[in-house]
Amino acid sequence: MTKTDFIREVADDCGLTQKVASTALTSILAVIKETVSKGDEVSFLEFGKFYKKDLEERKGRNPQTGEEITIPAHSVFAFKASEKTRELFK
């Protein structure tokens, strides 16, 4: 499903125009990104939570040369599905 398909589905489901649904989705995603980038979590009961995960420095290998390299510590954007959401995929 593309973003356009998603917006169309939300607009139809909520009785909104696609423009309003698009604006709402853009705003929701911006708030999630801003909040997580500050280190806070965004949780939706019965769906899951978005959070920032800190990864430690580790050793790795260059796949082309086989040379050992150090991968620096960094943060990633993460999502953990709730138990109810995980049950959908069993």
N, C-alpha and C. Protein backbone atom coordinates (compact mmCIF):
# COMPACT_ATOMS: atom_id res chain seq x y z
N MET A 1 0.85 -1.18 0.00
CA MET A 1 0.00 0.00 0.00
C MET A 1 0.89 1.24 0.00
N THR A 2 0.63 2.14 -0.89
CA THR A 2 1.40 3.38 -0.96
C THR A 2 0.76 4.43 -0.05
N LYS A 3 1.47 5.53 0.14
CA LYS A 3 0.94 6.62 0.94
C LYS A 3 -0.37 7.14 0.35
N THR A 4 -0.43 7.25 -0.97
CA THR A 4 -1.64 7.72 -1.63
C THR A 4 -2.80 6.76 -1.38
N ASP A 5 -2.55 5.46 -1.48
CA ASP A 5 -3.58 4.46 -1.20
C ASP A 5 -4.06 4.57 0.24
N PHE A 6 -3.11 4.74 1.15
CA PHE A 6 -3.42 4.85 2.57
C PHE A 6 -4.31 6.08 2.82
N ILE A 7 -3.94 7.20 2.25
CA ILE A 7 -4.71 8.44 2.42
C ILE A 7 -6.12 8.26 1.86
N ARG A 8 -6.23 7.61 0.72
CA ARG A 8 -7.54 7.36 0.12
C ARG A 8 -8.41 6.52 1.05
N GLU A 9 -7.84 5.47 1.63
CA GLU A 9 -8.57 4.59 2.55
C GLU A 9 -9.04 5.35 3.79
N VAL A 10 -8.13 6.15 4.38
CA VAL A 10 -8.49 6.93 5.57
C VAL A 10 -9.58 7.94 5.24
N ALA A 11 -9.44 8.63 4.12
CA ALA A 11 -10.43 9.62 3.72
C ALA A 11 -11.80 8.98 3.54
N ASP A 12 -11.84 7.85 2.87
CA ASP A 12 -13.11 7.14 2.66
C ASP A 12 -13.71 6.66 3.98
N ASP A 13 -12.87 6.12 4.84
CA ASP A 13 -13.33 5.57 6.12
C ASP A 13 -13.86 6.66 7.05
N CYS A 14 -13.25 7.84 7.02
CA CYS A 14 -13.63 8.92 7.94
C CYS A 14 -14.55 9.96 7.32
N GLY A 15 -14.84 9.83 6.04
CA GLY A 15 -15.70 10.80 5.36
C GLY A 15 -15.02 12.15 5.18
N LEU A 16 -13.70 12.12 4.96
CA LEU A 16 -12.92 13.34 4.77
C LEU A 16 -12.50 13.45 3.31
N THR A 17 -12.04 14.64 2.94
CA THR A 17 -11.44 14.77 1.62
C THR A 17 -10.03 14.20 1.70
N GLN A 18 -9.48 13.84 0.56
CA GLN A 18 -8.12 13.31 0.54
C GLN A 18 -7.12 14.36 0.97
N LYS A 19 -7.39 15.63 0.69
CA LYS A 19 -6.49 16.70 1.09
C LYS A 19 -6.43 16.82 2.61
N VAL A 20 -7.58 16.76 3.27
CA VAL A 20 -7.62 16.83 4.73
C VAL A 20 -6.93 15.61 5.34
N ALA A 21 -7.19 14.43 4.81
CA ALA A 21 -6.56 13.21 5.31
C ALA A 21 -5.05 13.27 5.12
N SER A 22 -4.60 13.80 3.99
CA SER A 22 -3.17 13.93 3.72
C SER A 22 -2.51 14.89 4.71
N THR A 23 -3.16 16.01 4.96
CA THR A 23 -2.64 16.98 5.92
C THR A 23 -2.55 16.37 7.32
N ALA A 24 -3.57 15.65 7.71
CA ALA A 24 -3.58 15.00 9.03
C ALA A 24 -2.47 13.97 9.14
N LEU A 25 -2.30 13.15 8.12
CA LEU A 25 -1.26 12.12 8.15
C LEU A 25 0.13 12.76 8.21
N THR A 26 0.36 13.78 7.42
CA THR A 26 1.65 14.47 7.42
C THR A 26 1.94 15.04 8.81
N SER A 27 0.94 15.62 9.44
CA SER A 27 1.10 16.19 10.78
C SER A 27 1.38 15.10 11.81
N ILE A 28 0.66 14.01 11.75
CA ILE A 28 0.86 12.90 12.69
C ILE A 28 2.28 12.35 12.58
N LEU A 29 2.73 12.12 11.36
CA LEU A 29 4.08 11.59 11.17
C LEU A 29 5.15 12.57 11.64
N ALA A 30 4.93 13.86 11.42
CA ALA A 30 5.89 14.87 11.87
C ALA A 30 5.99 14.90 13.39
N VAL A 31 4.84 14.80 14.07
CA VAL A 31 4.84 14.79 15.54
C VAL A 31 5.56 13.54 16.06
N ILE A 32 5.32 12.39 15.45
CA ILE A 32 5.99 11.16 15.88
C ILE A 32 7.49 11.30 15.70
N LYS A 33 7.95 11.77 14.54
CA LYS A 33 9.39 11.92 14.29
C LYS A 33 10.02 12.90 15.26
N GLU A 34 9.37 14.03 15.48
CA GLU A 34 9.90 15.06 16.39
C GLU A 34 10.02 14.52 17.81
N THR A 35 8.97 13.84 18.28
CA THR A 35 8.96 13.32 19.65
C THR A 35 10.02 12.26 19.84
N VAL A 36 10.13 11.34 18.91
CA VAL A 36 11.12 10.25 19.02
C VAL A 36 12.54 10.80 18.91
N SER A 37 12.75 11.79 18.06
CA SER A 37 14.09 12.37 17.91
C SER A 37 14.57 13.02 19.20
N LYS A 38 13.64 13.46 20.05
CA LYS A 38 13.99 14.04 21.35
C LYS A 38 14.25 12.97 22.41
N GLY A 39 14.01 11.71 22.06
CA GLY A 39 14.26 10.61 23.00
C GLY A 39 13.03 10.13 23.74
N ASP A 40 11.87 10.70 23.43
CA ASP A 40 10.62 10.25 24.06
C ASP A 40 9.96 9.17 23.22
N GLU A 41 9.05 8.43 23.84
CA GLU A 41 8.30 7.40 23.14
C GLU A 41 6.93 7.92 22.72
N VAL A 42 6.39 7.35 21.65
CA VAL A 42 5.01 7.60 21.25
C VAL A 42 4.32 6.25 21.27
N SER A 43 3.35 6.10 22.18
CA SER A 43 2.67 4.81 22.35
C SER A 43 1.21 4.92 21.95
N PHE A 44 0.76 3.93 21.22
CA PHE A 44 -0.64 3.80 20.86
C PHE A 44 -1.13 2.48 21.44
N LEU A 45 -2.01 2.57 22.43
CA LEU A 45 -2.54 1.39 23.08
C LEU A 45 -3.12 0.44 22.03
N GLU A 46 -2.84 -0.82 22.15
CA GLU A 46 -3.30 -1.89 21.26
C GLU A 46 -2.72 -1.82 19.85
N PHE A 47 -1.73 -0.93 19.61
CA PHE A 47 -1.04 -0.89 18.32
C PHE A 47 0.44 -1.10 18.51
N GLY A 48 1.09 -0.22 19.28
CA GLY A 48 2.52 -0.36 19.53
C GLY A 48 3.14 0.96 19.90
N LYS A 49 4.47 0.97 19.97
CA LYS A 49 5.16 2.20 20.34
C LYS A 49 6.34 2.46 19.42
N PHE A 50 6.58 3.74 19.17
CA PHE A 50 7.72 4.21 18.40
C PHE A 50 8.72 4.76 19.41
N TYR A 51 10.00 4.45 19.23
CA TYR A 51 11.00 4.92 20.18
C TYR A 51 12.37 4.99 19.52
N LYS A 52 13.29 5.65 20.22
CA LYS A 52 14.67 5.77 19.76
C LYS A 52 15.48 4.69 20.47
N LYS A 53 16.22 3.90 19.70
CA LYS A 53 17.02 2.82 20.26
C LYS A 53 18.49 3.16 20.06
N ASP A 54 19.25 3.14 21.15
CA ASP A 54 20.68 3.42 21.08
C ASP A 54 21.44 2.11 20.89
N LEU A 55 22.28 2.07 19.87
CA LEU A 55 23.09 0.89 19.58
C LEU A 55 24.54 1.19 19.96
N GLU A 56 25.18 0.23 20.61
CA GLU A 56 26.57 0.40 21.03
C GLU A 56 27.53 0.19 19.87
N GLU A 57 28.74 0.65 20.06
CA GLU A 57 29.81 0.42 19.08
C GLU A 57 30.03 -1.09 18.98
N ARG A 58 30.31 -1.56 17.78
CA ARG A 58 30.54 -3.00 17.60
C ARG A 58 31.49 -3.24 16.44
N LYS A 59 31.98 -4.45 16.38
CA LYS A 59 32.88 -4.86 15.30
C LYS A 59 32.05 -5.40 14.14
N GLY A 60 32.52 -5.15 12.94
CA GLY A 60 31.86 -5.65 11.75
C GLY A 60 32.91 -5.97 10.70
N ARG A 61 32.45 -6.37 9.54
CA ARG A 61 33.38 -6.68 8.45
C ARG A 61 32.92 -5.99 7.17
N ASN A 62 33.88 -5.50 6.41
CA ASN A 62 33.60 -4.95 5.10
C ASN A 62 33.29 -6.16 4.21
N PRO A 63 32.08 -6.26 3.64
CA PRO A 63 31.73 -7.44 2.86
C PRO A 63 32.54 -7.61 1.58
N GLN A 64 33.12 -6.52 1.06
CA GLN A 64 33.89 -6.63 -0.17
C GLN A 64 35.31 -7.10 0.07
N THR A 65 35.90 -6.63 1.18
CA THR A 65 37.32 -6.95 1.43
C THR A 65 37.51 -7.94 2.56
N GLY A 66 36.50 -8.10 3.43
CA GLY A 66 36.64 -8.97 4.58
C GLY A 66 37.38 -8.29 5.73
N GLU A 67 37.79 -7.05 5.53
CA GLU A 67 38.52 -6.30 6.55
C GLU A 67 37.61 -6.01 7.75
N GLU A 68 38.15 -6.19 8.96
CA GLU A 68 37.39 -5.89 10.16
C GLU A 68 37.31 -4.38 10.35
N ILE A 69 36.11 -3.89 10.67
CA ILE A 69 35.91 -2.47 10.89
C ILE A 69 35.15 -2.26 12.20
N THR A 70 35.19 -1.04 12.70
CA THR A 70 34.42 -0.68 13.89
C THR A 70 33.22 0.13 13.45
N ILE A 71 32.04 -0.35 13.83
CA ILE A 71 30.81 0.36 13.53
C ILE A 71 30.52 1.24 14.75
N PRO A 72 30.49 2.57 14.58
CA PRO A 72 30.33 3.46 15.73
C PRO A 72 28.95 3.35 16.38
N ALA A 73 28.88 3.76 17.64
CA ALA A 73 27.60 3.80 18.35
C ALA A 73 26.69 4.79 17.63
N HIS A 74 25.41 4.46 17.55
CA HIS A 74 24.45 5.35 16.91
C HIS A 74 23.04 5.01 17.38
N SER A 75 22.10 5.86 17.03
CA SER A 75 20.70 5.66 17.40
C SER A 75 19.89 5.35 16.15
N VAL A 76 18.83 4.55 16.34
CA VAL A 76 17.93 4.22 15.25
C VAL A 76 16.49 4.44 15.68
N PHE A 77 15.61 4.69 14.73
CA PHE A 77 14.18 4.82 14.96
C PHE A 77 13.63 3.41 15.01
N ALA A 78 12.87 3.09 16.05
CA ALA A 78 12.38 1.72 16.21
C ALA A 78 10.88 1.70 16.51
N PHE A 79 10.27 0.55 16.24
CA PHE A 79 8.85 0.32 16.53
C PHE A 79 8.70 -1.05 17.15
N LYS A 80 7.91 -1.12 18.21
CA LYS A 80 7.60 -2.41 18.82
C LYS A 80 6.08 -2.57 18.82
N ALA A 81 5.61 -3.61 18.17
CA ALA A 81 4.18 -3.86 18.09
C ALA A 81 3.65 -4.33 19.43
N SER A 82 2.40 -3.96 19.73
CA SER A 82 1.76 -4.41 20.96
C SER A 82 1.42 -5.90 20.84
N GLU A 83 1.06 -6.48 21.95
CA GLU A 83 0.69 -7.90 21.96
C GLU A 83 -0.52 -8.15 21.04
N LYS A 84 -1.51 -7.25 21.08
CA LYS A 84 -2.69 -7.41 20.21
C LYS A 84 -2.32 -7.33 18.74
N THR A 85 -1.40 -6.46 18.39
CA THR A 85 -0.98 -6.35 16.99
C THR A 85 -0.20 -7.58 16.58
N ARG A 86 0.68 -8.08 17.45
CA ARG A 86 1.44 -9.30 17.13
C ARG A 86 0.54 -10.50 16.94
N GLU A 87 -0.59 -10.55 17.68
CA GLU A 87 -1.51 -11.67 17.55
C GLU A 87 -2.12 -11.77 16.15
N LEU A 88 -2.19 -10.66 15.44
CA LEU A 88 -2.75 -10.65 14.07
C LEU A 88 -1.90 -11.48 13.11
N PHE A 89 -0.64 -11.68 13.45
CA PHE A 89 0.30 -12.35 12.53
C PHE A 89 0.66 -13.76 12.97
N LYS A 90 -0.07 -14.31 13.88
CA LYS A 90 0.19 -15.69 14.33
C LYS A 90 -0.52 -16.67 13.45
